[in-house]
C-alpha cells in the first residue's frame, strides 16, 4: 500500500502512463495489420505474391507511411524481418475474416496465397482513416513491385535497409561500404552479384525510394 498521498499520486501516474503506452502499442499494431491488408487486397491475384514478397512490401510500405518502425526489424536471410508481427498477422487476418493465408505445396515447392474472406472489404474504412494522406505513396510502392519477382523484391528491400543504416551513421558512404554491409547481412546474399546490387540501388534512386546523391555509390 502507498505510504503517502505523494506515493499514491506517483502510482496513479505510472499506471496511467502504462495504460497509455499499452493503448499506443495496440493502435500501432492494428495500423500495421490494416496496411498489410491493403497490400494483400491489391496483390492477392498476382502469382508472384508469396510470403517473402509480402513481408518485404510491408516493410517498404511502412516506410512510405512514415511509421518509423525500424527498431522492430531484424536482419534475416531474406532481408529485414519483424518476426513477432509477421507470425501474428495470419491469425489477425483470419480473426477479422479479411484474408485466409493458405499454404500450398507442389513438387516440394511451398508457397503462400492470400485469399479474400467474407469481410475482406471491411479493413478499408480503417485504411482510409489511418492512411488517407499517405495513400499515394503506398500505392506507388505496391504498383512499383506488382510484377517484380520475390528475389528482386528481397534484394531491393535489403539494399534499401542497408542504405538507411549507413546514412544514419555518416553523411557520405562509399560503394565498398554498401557492398560490405549487404554481403555481411547473410550468407544467402552471396547469390546476388555486385552488379545486381548496384543496379537495384540505381533503380531505387530512379524511382525516388532512395534520395541520396553520392557519385561514389554509382
N, C-alpha and C. Protein backbone atom coordinates (compact mmCIF):
# COMPACT_ATOMS: atom_id res chain seq x y z
N UNK A 1 0.84 -1.19 0.00
CA UNK A 1 0.00 0.00 0.00
C UNK A 1 0.88 1.25 0.00
N UNK A 2 0.47 2.32 -0.71
CA UNK A 2 1.22 3.58 -0.69
C UNK A 2 1.26 4.15 0.71
N UNK A 3 2.40 4.70 1.12
CA UNK A 3 2.56 5.24 2.46
C UNK A 3 2.18 6.70 2.56
N UNK A 4 1.93 7.34 1.41
CA UNK A 4 1.60 8.76 1.45
C UNK A 4 0.79 9.14 0.22
N UNK A 5 0.22 10.33 0.26
CA UNK A 5 -0.52 10.83 -0.90
C UNK A 5 0.41 10.98 -2.09
N UNK A 6 1.66 11.38 -1.82
CA UNK A 6 2.65 11.55 -2.89
C UNK A 6 2.91 10.22 -3.60
N UNK A 7 3.07 9.15 -2.80
CA UNK A 7 3.30 7.84 -3.40
C UNK A 7 2.08 7.36 -4.18
N UNK A 8 0.90 7.67 -3.66
CA UNK A 8 -0.34 7.30 -4.34
C UNK A 8 -0.44 8.00 -5.69
N UNK A 9 -0.10 9.29 -5.70
CA UNK A 9 -0.13 10.06 -6.95
C UNK A 9 0.87 9.51 -7.96
N UNK A 10 2.06 9.15 -7.48
CA UNK A 10 3.09 8.59 -8.35
C UNK A 10 2.62 7.28 -8.97
N UNK A 11 1.97 6.44 -8.15
CA UNK A 11 1.49 5.15 -8.63
C UNK A 11 0.40 5.35 -9.68
N UNK A 12 -0.50 6.29 -9.41
CA UNK A 12 -1.58 6.57 -10.36
C UNK A 12 -1.02 7.08 -11.69
N UNK A 13 0.01 7.95 -11.61
CA UNK A 13 0.63 8.48 -12.83
C UNK A 13 1.32 7.36 -13.61
N UNK A 14 1.98 6.45 -12.89
CA UNK A 14 2.66 5.34 -13.54
C UNK A 14 1.65 4.42 -14.23
N UNK A 15 0.55 4.12 -13.54
CA UNK A 15 -0.48 3.27 -14.12
C UNK A 15 -1.11 3.90 -15.35
N UNK A 16 -1.30 5.23 -15.28
CA UNK A 16 -1.86 5.95 -16.42
C UNK A 16 -0.89 5.91 -17.60
N UNK A 17 0.39 6.10 -17.32
CA UNK A 17 1.41 6.06 -18.37
C UNK A 17 1.47 4.67 -19.02
N UNK A 18 1.43 3.62 -18.18
CA UNK A 18 1.47 2.25 -18.70
C UNK A 18 0.25 1.96 -19.56
N UNK A 19 -0.91 2.46 -19.12
CA UNK A 19 -2.14 2.27 -19.89
C UNK A 19 -2.05 2.97 -21.24
N UNK A 20 -1.53 4.20 -21.25
CA UNK A 20 -1.38 4.95 -22.50
C UNK A 20 -0.39 4.26 -23.43
N UNK A 21 0.71 3.73 -22.87
CA UNK A 21 1.72 3.03 -23.67
C UNK A 21 1.14 1.76 -24.29
N UNK A 22 0.34 1.04 -23.49
CA UNK A 22 -0.29 -0.18 -23.98
C UNK A 22 -1.27 0.12 -25.10
N UNK A 23 -2.07 1.18 -24.92
CA UNK A 23 -3.04 1.57 -25.95
C UNK A 23 -2.34 1.99 -27.24
N UNK A 24 -1.23 2.71 -27.09
CA UNK A 24 -0.47 3.16 -28.26
C UNK A 24 0.11 1.97 -29.02
N UNK A 25 0.63 0.99 -28.29
CA UNK A 25 1.19 -0.21 -28.91
C UNK A 25 0.13 -0.98 -29.68
N UNK A 26 -1.04 -1.13 -29.08
CA UNK A 26 -2.15 -1.83 -29.75
C UNK A 26 -2.59 -1.08 -31.01
N UNK A 27 -2.61 0.25 -30.93
CA UNK A 27 -3.03 1.05 -32.07
C UNK A 27 -2.04 0.92 -33.23
N UNK A 28 -0.74 0.96 -32.93
CA UNK A 28 0.29 0.80 -33.95
C UNK A 28 0.19 -0.58 -34.59
N UNK A 29 -0.02 -1.58 -33.76
CA UNK A 29 -0.15 -2.95 -34.28
C UNK A 29 -1.32 -3.06 -35.25
N UNK A 30 -2.47 -2.51 -34.87
CA UNK A 30 -3.64 -2.61 -35.74
C UNK A 30 -3.44 -1.83 -37.03
N UNK A 31 -2.78 -0.69 -36.95
CA UNK A 31 -2.48 0.09 -38.16
C UNK A 31 -1.62 -0.73 -39.12
N UNK A 32 -0.67 -1.47 -38.57
CA UNK A 32 0.19 -2.31 -39.40
C UNK A 32 -0.61 -3.42 -40.07
N UNK A 33 -1.53 -4.00 -39.33
CA UNK A 33 -2.38 -5.05 -39.88
C UNK A 33 -3.24 -4.50 -41.02
N UNK A 34 -3.77 -3.30 -40.83
CA UNK A 34 -4.60 -2.66 -41.86
C UNK A 34 -3.77 -2.37 -43.10
N UNK A 35 -2.57 -1.87 -42.92
CA UNK A 35 -1.69 -1.60 -44.06
C UNK A 35 -1.35 -2.89 -44.80
N UNK A 36 -1.07 -3.94 -44.05
CA UNK A 36 -0.78 -5.24 -44.66
C UNK A 36 -1.98 -5.76 -45.44
N UNK A 37 -3.18 -5.49 -44.93
CA UNK A 37 -4.40 -5.91 -45.62
C UNK A 37 -4.56 -5.20 -46.96
N UNK A 38 -4.15 -3.94 -47.02
CA UNK A 38 -4.20 -3.21 -48.28
C UNK A 38 -3.28 -3.85 -49.32
N UNK A 39 -2.10 -4.26 -48.88
CA UNK A 39 -1.16 -4.92 -49.79
C UNK A 39 -1.74 -6.25 -50.28
N UNK A 40 -2.28 -7.04 -49.36
CA UNK A 40 -2.88 -8.32 -49.74
C UNK A 40 -4.06 -8.12 -50.68
N UNK A 41 -4.86 -7.09 -50.41
CA UNK A 41 -6.04 -6.82 -51.25
C UNK A 41 -5.64 -6.48 -52.68
N UNK A 42 -4.61 -5.66 -52.82
CA UNK A 42 -4.21 -5.20 -54.14
C UNK A 42 -3.43 -6.25 -54.94
N UNK A 43 -2.76 -7.16 -54.25
CA UNK A 43 -1.84 -8.07 -54.95
C UNK A 43 -2.17 -9.56 -54.83
N UNK A 44 -3.28 -9.92 -54.20
CA UNK A 44 -3.52 -11.34 -53.93
C UNK A 44 -3.69 -12.16 -55.21
N UNK A 45 -4.03 -11.52 -56.32
CA UNK A 45 -4.17 -12.25 -57.58
C UNK A 45 -2.87 -12.38 -58.36
N UNK A 46 -1.82 -11.73 -57.87
CA UNK A 46 -0.52 -11.80 -58.55
C UNK A 46 0.20 -13.10 -58.21
N UNK A 47 0.61 -13.87 -59.20
CA UNK A 47 1.31 -15.14 -58.94
C UNK A 47 2.60 -14.96 -58.13
N UNK A 48 3.21 -13.79 -58.23
CA UNK A 48 4.48 -13.56 -57.55
C UNK A 48 4.33 -13.24 -56.06
N UNK A 49 3.09 -13.01 -55.60
CA UNK A 49 2.91 -12.65 -54.19
C UNK A 49 2.92 -13.89 -53.32
N UNK A 50 4.03 -14.07 -52.61
CA UNK A 50 4.14 -15.12 -51.61
C UNK A 50 4.51 -14.50 -50.28
N UNK A 51 4.90 -15.32 -49.35
CA UNK A 51 5.16 -14.83 -48.00
C UNK A 51 6.33 -13.84 -47.94
N UNK A 52 7.44 -14.18 -48.61
CA UNK A 52 8.63 -13.31 -48.54
C UNK A 52 8.36 -11.96 -49.20
N UNK A 53 7.78 -11.99 -50.40
CA UNK A 53 7.49 -10.73 -51.08
C UNK A 53 6.51 -9.89 -50.27
N UNK A 54 5.51 -10.53 -49.71
CA UNK A 54 4.54 -9.83 -48.88
C UNK A 54 5.23 -9.15 -47.70
N UNK A 55 6.10 -9.87 -47.02
CA UNK A 55 6.81 -9.31 -45.87
C UNK A 55 7.67 -8.11 -46.25
N UNK A 56 8.36 -8.20 -47.38
CA UNK A 56 9.22 -7.08 -47.80
C UNK A 56 8.40 -5.86 -48.20
N UNK A 57 7.23 -6.09 -48.80
CA UNK A 57 6.37 -4.97 -49.17
C UNK A 57 5.76 -4.31 -47.94
N UNK A 58 5.46 -5.09 -46.92
CA UNK A 58 5.00 -4.50 -45.65
C UNK A 58 6.08 -3.56 -45.11
N UNK A 59 7.32 -4.01 -45.12
CA UNK A 59 8.45 -3.20 -44.66
C UNK A 59 8.58 -1.91 -45.45
N UNK A 60 8.56 -2.00 -46.77
CA UNK A 60 8.72 -0.82 -47.61
C UNK A 60 7.52 0.13 -47.51
N UNK A 61 6.33 -0.43 -47.43
CA UNK A 61 5.13 0.42 -47.32
C UNK A 61 5.05 1.10 -45.96
N UNK A 62 5.56 0.45 -44.92
CA UNK A 62 5.61 1.11 -43.61
C UNK A 62 6.53 2.31 -43.65
N UNK A 63 7.60 2.23 -44.41
CA UNK A 63 8.46 3.40 -44.59
C UNK A 63 7.74 4.48 -45.37
N UNK A 64 7.03 4.10 -46.41
CA UNK A 64 6.27 5.07 -47.20
C UNK A 64 5.21 5.74 -46.34
N UNK A 65 4.67 5.00 -45.36
CA UNK A 65 3.64 5.52 -44.47
C UNK A 65 4.23 6.25 -43.27
N UNK A 66 5.57 6.38 -43.25
CA UNK A 66 6.26 7.15 -42.20
C UNK A 66 5.94 6.64 -40.80
N UNK A 67 5.97 5.31 -40.64
CA UNK A 67 5.60 4.72 -39.36
C UNK A 67 6.78 4.56 -38.40
N UNK A 68 8.01 4.74 -38.89
CA UNK A 68 9.21 4.74 -38.02
C UNK A 68 9.30 3.49 -37.14
N UNK A 69 9.36 2.34 -37.79
CA UNK A 69 9.37 1.07 -37.06
C UNK A 69 10.66 0.28 -37.26
N UNK A 70 11.74 0.96 -37.64
CA UNK A 70 12.99 0.26 -37.93
C UNK A 70 13.46 -0.62 -36.78
N UNK A 71 13.26 -0.16 -35.54
CA UNK A 71 13.76 -0.90 -34.38
C UNK A 71 13.10 -2.26 -34.22
N UNK A 72 11.96 -2.47 -34.88
CA UNK A 72 11.25 -3.74 -34.75
C UNK A 72 11.75 -4.79 -35.74
N UNK A 73 12.57 -4.35 -36.70
CA UNK A 73 13.04 -5.27 -37.73
C UNK A 73 14.43 -5.80 -37.41
N UNK A 74 14.63 -7.07 -37.71
CA UNK A 74 15.92 -7.72 -37.52
C UNK A 74 16.47 -8.14 -38.88
N UNK A 75 17.78 -8.38 -38.91
CA UNK A 75 18.42 -8.83 -40.15
C UNK A 75 18.24 -10.33 -40.28
N UNK A 76 17.44 -10.73 -41.26
CA UNK A 76 17.23 -12.14 -41.55
C UNK A 76 17.74 -12.46 -42.95
N UNK A 77 17.84 -13.74 -43.26
CA UNK A 77 18.41 -14.17 -44.54
C UNK A 77 17.71 -13.53 -45.73
N UNK A 78 16.39 -13.36 -45.64
CA UNK A 78 15.63 -12.81 -46.76
C UNK A 78 15.45 -11.30 -46.67
N UNK A 79 16.19 -10.65 -45.76
CA UNK A 79 16.09 -9.20 -45.65
C UNK A 79 15.49 -8.78 -44.32
N UNK A 80 15.15 -7.49 -44.16
CA UNK A 80 14.59 -7.00 -42.90
C UNK A 80 13.29 -7.73 -42.56
N UNK A 81 13.18 -8.16 -41.29
CA UNK A 81 12.06 -9.03 -40.92
C UNK A 81 11.64 -8.77 -39.48
N UNK A 82 10.35 -8.57 -39.28
CA UNK A 82 9.77 -8.42 -37.93
C UNK A 82 9.08 -9.74 -37.60
N UNK A 83 9.79 -10.61 -36.93
CA UNK A 83 9.33 -11.97 -36.68
C UNK A 83 8.01 -12.01 -35.90
N UNK A 84 7.92 -11.25 -34.83
CA UNK A 84 6.72 -11.28 -33.98
C UNK A 84 5.47 -10.84 -34.75
N UNK A 85 5.60 -9.75 -35.49
CA UNK A 85 4.44 -9.23 -36.22
C UNK A 85 4.02 -10.18 -37.34
N UNK A 86 4.99 -10.65 -38.11
CA UNK A 86 4.66 -11.49 -39.25
C UNK A 86 4.09 -12.84 -38.86
N UNK A 87 4.43 -13.32 -37.67
CA UNK A 87 3.88 -14.60 -37.23
C UNK A 87 2.49 -14.44 -36.60
N UNK A 88 2.08 -13.21 -36.37
CA UNK A 88 0.75 -12.99 -35.80
C UNK A 88 -0.26 -12.54 -36.85
N UNK A 89 0.23 -12.08 -37.99
CA UNK A 89 -0.67 -11.44 -38.96
C UNK A 89 -1.64 -12.42 -39.60
N UNK A 90 -1.22 -13.67 -39.80
CA UNK A 90 -2.12 -14.67 -40.38
C UNK A 90 -3.37 -14.84 -39.50
N UNK A 91 -3.14 -14.96 -38.19
CA UNK A 91 -4.25 -15.12 -37.25
C UNK A 91 -5.13 -13.88 -37.23
N UNK A 92 -4.49 -12.70 -37.33
CA UNK A 92 -5.25 -11.44 -37.29
C UNK A 92 -6.14 -11.31 -38.52
N UNK A 93 -5.59 -11.66 -39.68
CA UNK A 93 -6.39 -11.66 -40.91
C UNK A 93 -7.59 -12.60 -40.78
N UNK A 94 -7.33 -13.79 -40.27
CA UNK A 94 -8.40 -14.80 -40.15
C UNK A 94 -9.43 -14.38 -39.12
N UNK A 95 -8.98 -13.83 -38.00
CA UNK A 95 -9.89 -13.40 -36.93
C UNK A 95 -10.87 -12.34 -37.42
N UNK A 96 -10.37 -11.42 -38.24
CA UNK A 96 -11.22 -10.36 -38.78
C UNK A 96 -11.98 -10.79 -40.03
N UNK A 97 -11.70 -12.02 -40.48
CA UNK A 97 -12.31 -12.55 -41.70
C UNK A 97 -12.01 -11.68 -42.91
N UNK A 98 -10.75 -11.22 -42.96
CA UNK A 98 -10.30 -10.40 -44.09
C UNK A 98 -9.64 -11.28 -45.15
N UNK A 99 -8.66 -12.09 -44.70
CA UNK A 99 -7.94 -12.97 -45.63
C UNK A 99 -7.60 -14.28 -44.93
N UNK A 100 -7.52 -15.32 -45.74
CA UNK A 100 -7.00 -16.61 -45.29
C UNK A 100 -5.65 -16.81 -45.95
N UNK A 101 -4.63 -17.02 -45.13
CA UNK A 101 -3.29 -17.28 -45.67
C UNK A 101 -3.16 -18.79 -45.83
N UNK A 102 -3.16 -19.25 -47.08
CA UNK A 102 -3.18 -20.67 -47.39
C UNK A 102 -1.81 -21.15 -47.85
N UNK A 103 -1.33 -22.18 -47.21
CA UNK A 103 -0.04 -22.79 -47.58
C UNK A 103 -0.28 -23.86 -48.62
N UNK A 104 0.47 -23.80 -49.72
CA UNK A 104 0.34 -24.77 -50.79
C UNK A 104 1.70 -25.39 -51.09
N UNK A 105 1.73 -26.71 -51.23
CA UNK A 105 2.97 -27.42 -51.54
C UNK A 105 2.79 -28.18 -52.84
N UNK A 106 3.64 -27.90 -53.80
CA UNK A 106 3.57 -28.56 -55.11
C UNK A 106 4.98 -28.93 -55.54
N UNK A 107 5.24 -30.22 -55.65
CA UNK A 107 6.56 -30.71 -56.07
C UNK A 107 7.67 -30.15 -55.19
N UNK A 108 7.47 -30.25 -53.89
CA UNK A 108 8.43 -29.81 -52.88
C UNK A 108 8.65 -28.29 -52.86
N UNK A 109 7.79 -27.55 -53.56
CA UNK A 109 7.86 -26.09 -53.53
C UNK A 109 6.69 -25.56 -52.70
N UNK A 110 7.01 -24.79 -51.67
CA UNK A 110 5.98 -24.24 -50.79
C UNK A 110 5.74 -22.78 -51.14
N UNK A 111 4.48 -22.41 -51.29
CA UNK A 111 4.14 -21.02 -51.50
C UNK A 111 2.88 -20.71 -50.71
N UNK A 112 2.66 -19.42 -50.49
CA UNK A 112 1.51 -18.97 -49.72
C UNK A 112 0.63 -18.07 -50.57
N UNK A 113 -0.68 -18.24 -50.42
CA UNK A 113 -1.65 -17.39 -51.11
C UNK A 113 -2.50 -16.65 -50.09
N UNK A 114 -2.89 -15.44 -50.47
CA UNK A 114 -3.72 -14.61 -49.59
C UNK A 114 -5.12 -14.54 -50.21
N UNK A 115 -6.03 -15.32 -49.62
CA UNK A 115 -7.36 -15.48 -50.19
C UNK A 115 -8.37 -14.60 -49.45
N UNK A 116 -9.09 -13.73 -50.16
CA UNK A 116 -10.07 -12.84 -49.52
C UNK A 116 -11.20 -13.65 -48.88
N UNK A 117 -11.59 -13.23 -47.68
CA UNK A 117 -12.72 -13.84 -46.98
C UNK A 117 -13.93 -12.90 -47.03
N UNK A 118 -15.00 -13.27 -46.35
CA UNK A 118 -16.27 -12.54 -46.49
C UNK A 118 -16.23 -11.09 -46.05
N UNK A 119 -15.29 -10.76 -45.14
CA UNK A 119 -15.20 -9.37 -44.66
C UNK A 119 -13.97 -8.65 -45.22
N UNK A 120 -13.50 -9.09 -46.36
CA UNK A 120 -12.23 -8.56 -46.89
C UNK A 120 -12.28 -7.07 -47.24
N UNK A 121 -13.49 -6.52 -47.38
CA UNK A 121 -13.61 -5.10 -47.69
C UNK A 121 -13.66 -4.23 -46.43
N UNK A 122 -13.83 -4.87 -45.28
CA UNK A 122 -14.06 -4.11 -44.05
C UNK A 122 -12.85 -3.33 -43.55
N UNK A 123 -11.65 -3.78 -43.93
CA UNK A 123 -10.44 -3.09 -43.47
C UNK A 123 -10.34 -1.69 -44.07
N UNK A 124 -11.03 -1.46 -45.21
CA UNK A 124 -10.84 -0.23 -45.98
C UNK A 124 -11.25 1.04 -45.22
N UNK A 125 -12.23 0.94 -44.36
CA UNK A 125 -12.64 2.13 -43.60
C UNK A 125 -11.55 2.54 -42.62
N UNK A 126 -10.84 1.54 -42.09
CA UNK A 126 -9.71 1.84 -41.21
C UNK A 126 -8.54 2.40 -42.01
N UNK A 127 -8.32 1.79 -43.18
CA UNK A 127 -7.23 2.26 -44.04
C UNK A 127 -7.44 3.73 -44.42
N UNK A 128 -8.65 4.06 -44.79
CA UNK A 128 -8.97 5.44 -45.16
C UNK A 128 -8.69 6.39 -44.00
N UNK A 129 -9.01 5.96 -42.80
CA UNK A 129 -8.82 6.80 -41.62
C UNK A 129 -7.34 6.96 -41.29
N UNK A 130 -6.58 5.88 -41.38
CA UNK A 130 -5.17 5.91 -40.99
C UNK A 130 -4.25 6.49 -42.07
N UNK A 131 -4.52 6.16 -43.34
CA UNK A 131 -3.53 6.39 -44.38
C UNK A 131 -4.00 7.28 -45.53
N UNK A 132 -5.06 8.01 -45.34
CA UNK A 132 -5.61 8.81 -46.44
C UNK A 132 -4.58 9.76 -47.03
N UNK A 133 -3.82 10.44 -46.20
CA UNK A 133 -2.86 11.43 -46.70
C UNK A 133 -1.60 10.79 -47.26
N UNK A 134 -1.38 9.50 -46.98
CA UNK A 134 -0.17 8.81 -47.44
C UNK A 134 -0.46 7.74 -48.48
N UNK A 135 -1.73 7.67 -48.89
CA UNK A 135 -2.14 6.60 -49.80
C UNK A 135 -1.38 6.63 -51.13
N UNK A 136 -1.12 7.81 -51.65
CA UNK A 136 -0.43 7.90 -52.95
C UNK A 136 0.95 7.26 -52.88
N UNK A 137 1.67 7.49 -51.79
CA UNK A 137 3.00 6.91 -51.62
C UNK A 137 2.91 5.38 -51.49
N UNK A 138 1.92 4.93 -50.73
CA UNK A 138 1.75 3.49 -50.51
C UNK A 138 1.39 2.79 -51.82
N UNK A 139 0.46 3.37 -52.58
CA UNK A 139 0.06 2.77 -53.85
C UNK A 139 1.21 2.76 -54.84
N UNK A 140 2.07 3.75 -54.77
CA UNK A 140 3.24 3.80 -55.65
C UNK A 140 4.13 2.59 -55.40
N UNK A 141 4.38 2.28 -54.13
CA UNK A 141 5.21 1.12 -53.79
C UNK A 141 4.55 -0.18 -54.27
N UNK A 142 3.27 -0.31 -54.01
CA UNK A 142 2.54 -1.52 -54.39
C UNK A 142 2.61 -1.75 -55.90
N UNK A 143 2.37 -0.70 -56.68
CA UNK A 143 2.38 -0.83 -58.13
C UNK A 143 3.80 -1.01 -58.68
N UNK A 144 4.75 -0.39 -58.03
CA UNK A 144 6.15 -0.50 -58.46
C UNK A 144 6.62 -1.95 -58.39
N UNK A 145 6.16 -2.68 -57.38
CA UNK A 145 6.61 -4.06 -57.18
C UNK A 145 5.59 -5.09 -57.64
N UNK A 146 4.49 -4.65 -58.23
CA UNK A 146 3.40 -5.57 -58.59
C UNK A 146 3.91 -6.78 -59.38
N UNK A 147 4.70 -6.56 -60.40
CA UNK A 147 5.15 -7.65 -61.27
C UNK A 147 6.56 -8.14 -60.93
N UNK A 148 7.16 -7.57 -59.90
CA UNK A 148 8.52 -7.98 -59.54
C UNK A 148 8.50 -9.34 -58.85
N UNK A 149 9.52 -10.14 -59.14
CA UNK A 149 9.64 -11.45 -58.52
C UNK A 149 10.12 -11.33 -57.08
N UNK A 150 10.00 -12.42 -56.34
CA UNK A 150 10.36 -12.42 -54.92
C UNK A 150 11.82 -12.03 -54.71
N UNK A 151 12.73 -12.62 -55.48
CA UNK A 151 14.16 -12.32 -55.31
C UNK A 151 14.46 -10.84 -55.51
N UNK A 152 13.84 -10.26 -56.51
CA UNK A 152 14.08 -8.84 -56.79
C UNK A 152 13.56 -7.99 -55.63
N UNK A 153 12.39 -8.32 -55.12
CA UNK A 153 11.81 -7.56 -54.01
C UNK A 153 12.67 -7.69 -52.77
N UNK A 154 13.15 -8.91 -52.50
CA UNK A 154 14.05 -9.14 -51.37
C UNK A 154 15.32 -8.31 -51.52
N UNK A 155 15.91 -8.34 -52.70
CA UNK A 155 17.13 -7.59 -52.97
C UNK A 155 16.91 -6.10 -52.76
N UNK A 156 15.82 -5.57 -53.31
CA UNK A 156 15.52 -4.14 -53.20
C UNK A 156 15.31 -3.72 -51.75
N UNK A 157 14.56 -4.52 -50.99
CA UNK A 157 14.29 -4.20 -49.59
C UNK A 157 15.57 -4.22 -48.76
N UNK A 158 16.47 -5.16 -49.06
CA UNK A 158 17.71 -5.26 -48.31
C UNK A 158 18.65 -4.11 -48.64
N UNK A 159 18.77 -3.75 -49.92
CA UNK A 159 19.59 -2.60 -50.31
C UNK A 159 19.03 -1.33 -49.68
N UNK A 160 17.72 -1.18 -49.70
CA UNK A 160 17.07 -0.02 -49.08
C UNK A 160 17.45 0.06 -47.59
N UNK A 161 17.37 -1.08 -46.88
CA UNK A 161 17.69 -1.12 -45.45
C UNK A 161 19.17 -0.81 -45.21
N UNK A 162 20.04 -1.30 -46.07
CA UNK A 162 21.47 -1.04 -45.93
C UNK A 162 21.79 0.44 -46.08
N UNK A 163 21.20 1.06 -47.09
CA UNK A 163 21.44 2.49 -47.30
C UNK A 163 20.92 3.30 -46.12
N UNK A 164 19.76 2.94 -45.60
CA UNK A 164 19.21 3.64 -44.43
C UNK A 164 20.15 3.52 -43.23
N UNK A 165 20.67 2.33 -43.02
CA UNK A 165 21.57 2.11 -41.89
C UNK A 165 22.85 2.92 -42.04
N UNK A 166 23.42 2.92 -43.23
CA UNK A 166 24.67 3.65 -43.44
C UNK A 166 24.48 5.16 -43.37
N UNK A 167 23.41 5.67 -43.96
CA UNK A 167 23.19 7.12 -43.96
C UNK A 167 22.84 7.64 -42.56
N UNK A 168 22.40 6.76 -41.69
CA UNK A 168 22.14 7.17 -40.30
C UNK A 168 23.44 7.33 -39.53
N UNK A 169 24.53 6.73 -40.06
CA UNK A 169 25.81 6.75 -39.38
C UNK A 169 26.76 7.82 -39.91
N UNK A 170 26.62 8.14 -41.21
CA UNK A 170 27.57 9.09 -41.82
C UNK A 170 26.93 9.82 -42.99
N UNK A 171 27.47 10.97 -43.33
CA UNK A 171 26.93 11.78 -44.42
C UNK A 171 27.30 11.23 -45.78
N UNK A 172 28.51 10.69 -45.89
CA UNK A 172 28.99 10.19 -47.18
C UNK A 172 29.30 8.71 -47.03
N UNK A 173 28.72 7.91 -47.91
CA UNK A 173 29.01 6.47 -47.90
C UNK A 173 29.57 6.05 -49.25
N UNK A 174 30.36 5.02 -49.22
CA UNK A 174 31.02 4.55 -50.42
C UNK A 174 30.42 3.23 -50.90
N UNK A 175 30.63 2.96 -52.17
CA UNK A 175 30.15 1.72 -52.78
C UNK A 175 30.64 0.51 -52.00
N UNK A 176 31.93 0.53 -51.62
CA UNK A 176 32.52 -0.60 -50.91
C UNK A 176 31.84 -0.84 -49.57
N UNK A 177 31.44 0.24 -48.90
CA UNK A 177 30.76 0.12 -47.60
C UNK A 177 29.37 -0.51 -47.77
N UNK A 178 28.68 -0.08 -48.80
CA UNK A 178 27.36 -0.63 -49.07
C UNK A 178 27.45 -2.12 -49.38
N UNK A 179 28.37 -2.50 -50.24
CA UNK A 179 28.51 -3.91 -50.62
C UNK A 179 28.93 -4.75 -49.42
N UNK A 180 29.83 -4.22 -48.60
CA UNK A 180 30.27 -4.97 -47.41
C UNK A 180 29.09 -5.22 -46.47
N UNK A 181 28.29 -4.19 -46.23
CA UNK A 181 27.14 -4.35 -45.34
C UNK A 181 26.12 -5.32 -45.93
N UNK A 182 25.90 -5.20 -47.23
CA UNK A 182 24.92 -6.08 -47.90
C UNK A 182 25.33 -7.54 -47.77
N UNK A 183 26.58 -7.85 -48.08
CA UNK A 183 27.02 -9.25 -48.07
C UNK A 183 27.25 -9.79 -46.66
N UNK A 184 27.43 -8.91 -45.68
CA UNK A 184 27.57 -9.36 -44.30
C UNK A 184 26.21 -9.60 -43.65
N UNK A 185 25.14 -9.21 -44.36
CA UNK A 185 23.78 -9.39 -43.85
C UNK A 185 23.47 -10.88 -43.63
N UNK A 186 23.82 -11.70 -44.64
CA UNK A 186 23.57 -13.13 -44.57
C UNK A 186 24.37 -13.82 -45.66
N UNK A 187 24.76 -15.06 -45.40
CA UNK A 187 25.48 -15.84 -46.41
C UNK A 187 24.66 -15.98 -47.69
N UNK A 188 23.35 -16.01 -47.54
CA UNK A 188 22.47 -16.20 -48.70
C UNK A 188 22.49 -15.00 -49.65
N UNK A 189 23.01 -13.87 -49.19
CA UNK A 189 23.08 -12.70 -50.07
C UNK A 189 24.15 -12.85 -51.15
N UNK A 190 25.01 -13.83 -50.97
CA UNK A 190 26.08 -14.04 -51.95
C UNK A 190 25.57 -14.53 -53.29
N UNK A 191 24.29 -14.94 -53.33
CA UNK A 191 23.73 -15.37 -54.62
C UNK A 191 23.47 -14.18 -55.53
N UNK A 192 23.51 -12.97 -54.99
CA UNK A 192 23.36 -11.76 -55.80
C UNK A 192 24.73 -11.21 -56.16
N UNK A 193 24.91 -10.82 -57.42
CA UNK A 193 26.19 -10.26 -57.85
C UNK A 193 26.28 -8.78 -57.46
N UNK A 194 27.50 -8.26 -57.46
CA UNK A 194 27.69 -6.83 -57.17
C UNK A 194 26.93 -5.97 -58.18
N UNK A 195 26.92 -6.41 -59.42
CA UNK A 195 26.21 -5.65 -60.44
C UNK A 195 24.71 -5.61 -60.14
N UNK A 196 24.16 -6.74 -59.70
CA UNK A 196 22.73 -6.76 -59.37
C UNK A 196 22.43 -5.82 -58.20
N UNK A 197 23.30 -5.80 -57.22
CA UNK A 197 23.12 -4.90 -56.07
C UNK A 197 23.13 -3.45 -56.51
N UNK A 198 24.11 -3.09 -57.31
CA UNK A 198 24.25 -1.69 -57.75
C UNK A 198 23.15 -1.30 -58.73
N UNK A 199 22.71 -2.25 -59.55
CA UNK A 199 21.59 -1.97 -60.47
C UNK A 199 20.30 -1.69 -59.69
N UNK A 200 20.08 -2.46 -58.62
CA UNK A 200 18.89 -2.23 -57.80
C UNK A 200 18.99 -0.90 -57.07
N UNK A 201 20.18 -0.57 -56.59
CA UNK A 201 20.37 0.74 -55.96
C UNK A 201 19.99 1.86 -56.93
N UNK A 202 20.48 1.76 -58.16
CA UNK A 202 20.16 2.77 -59.17
C UNK A 202 18.66 2.83 -59.43
N UNK A 203 18.01 1.66 -59.50
CA UNK A 203 16.57 1.58 -59.73
C UNK A 203 15.80 2.23 -58.59
N UNK A 204 16.23 1.97 -57.35
CA UNK A 204 15.59 2.58 -56.18
C UNK A 204 15.73 4.10 -56.21
N UNK A 205 16.90 4.58 -56.63
CA UNK A 205 17.12 6.02 -56.72
C UNK A 205 16.27 6.64 -57.83
N UNK A 206 16.24 5.97 -58.97
CA UNK A 206 15.46 6.49 -60.10
C UNK A 206 13.97 6.59 -59.77
N UNK A 207 13.50 5.70 -58.91
CA UNK A 207 12.09 5.69 -58.55
C UNK A 207 11.80 6.45 -57.25
N UNK A 208 12.82 7.12 -56.73
CA UNK A 208 12.60 8.00 -55.59
C UNK A 208 12.51 7.33 -54.23
N UNK A 209 12.79 6.03 -54.15
CA UNK A 209 12.74 5.36 -52.86
C UNK A 209 13.97 5.68 -52.02
N UNK A 210 15.07 5.91 -52.71
CA UNK A 210 16.29 6.35 -52.04
C UNK A 210 16.68 7.70 -52.62
N UNK A 211 16.71 8.70 -51.78
CA UNK A 211 17.10 10.04 -52.22
C UNK A 211 18.46 10.31 -51.60
N UNK A 212 19.49 9.97 -52.34
CA UNK A 212 20.84 10.11 -51.81
C UNK A 212 21.79 10.31 -52.98
N UNK A 213 22.22 11.52 -53.20
CA UNK A 213 23.09 11.83 -54.33
C UNK A 213 24.54 11.73 -53.90
N UNK A 214 25.18 10.68 -54.35
CA UNK A 214 26.58 10.46 -53.99
C UNK A 214 27.23 9.64 -55.10
N UNK A 215 28.08 10.26 -55.87
CA UNK A 215 28.68 9.59 -57.03
C UNK A 215 29.52 8.39 -56.64
N UNK A 216 30.01 8.33 -55.40
CA UNK A 216 30.83 7.20 -55.00
C UNK A 216 30.03 5.92 -54.84
N UNK A 217 28.70 6.05 -54.87
CA UNK A 217 27.86 4.86 -54.77
C UNK A 217 27.52 4.29 -56.15
N UNK A 218 27.77 5.04 -57.19
CA UNK A 218 27.34 4.59 -58.53
C UNK A 218 28.55 4.10 -59.34
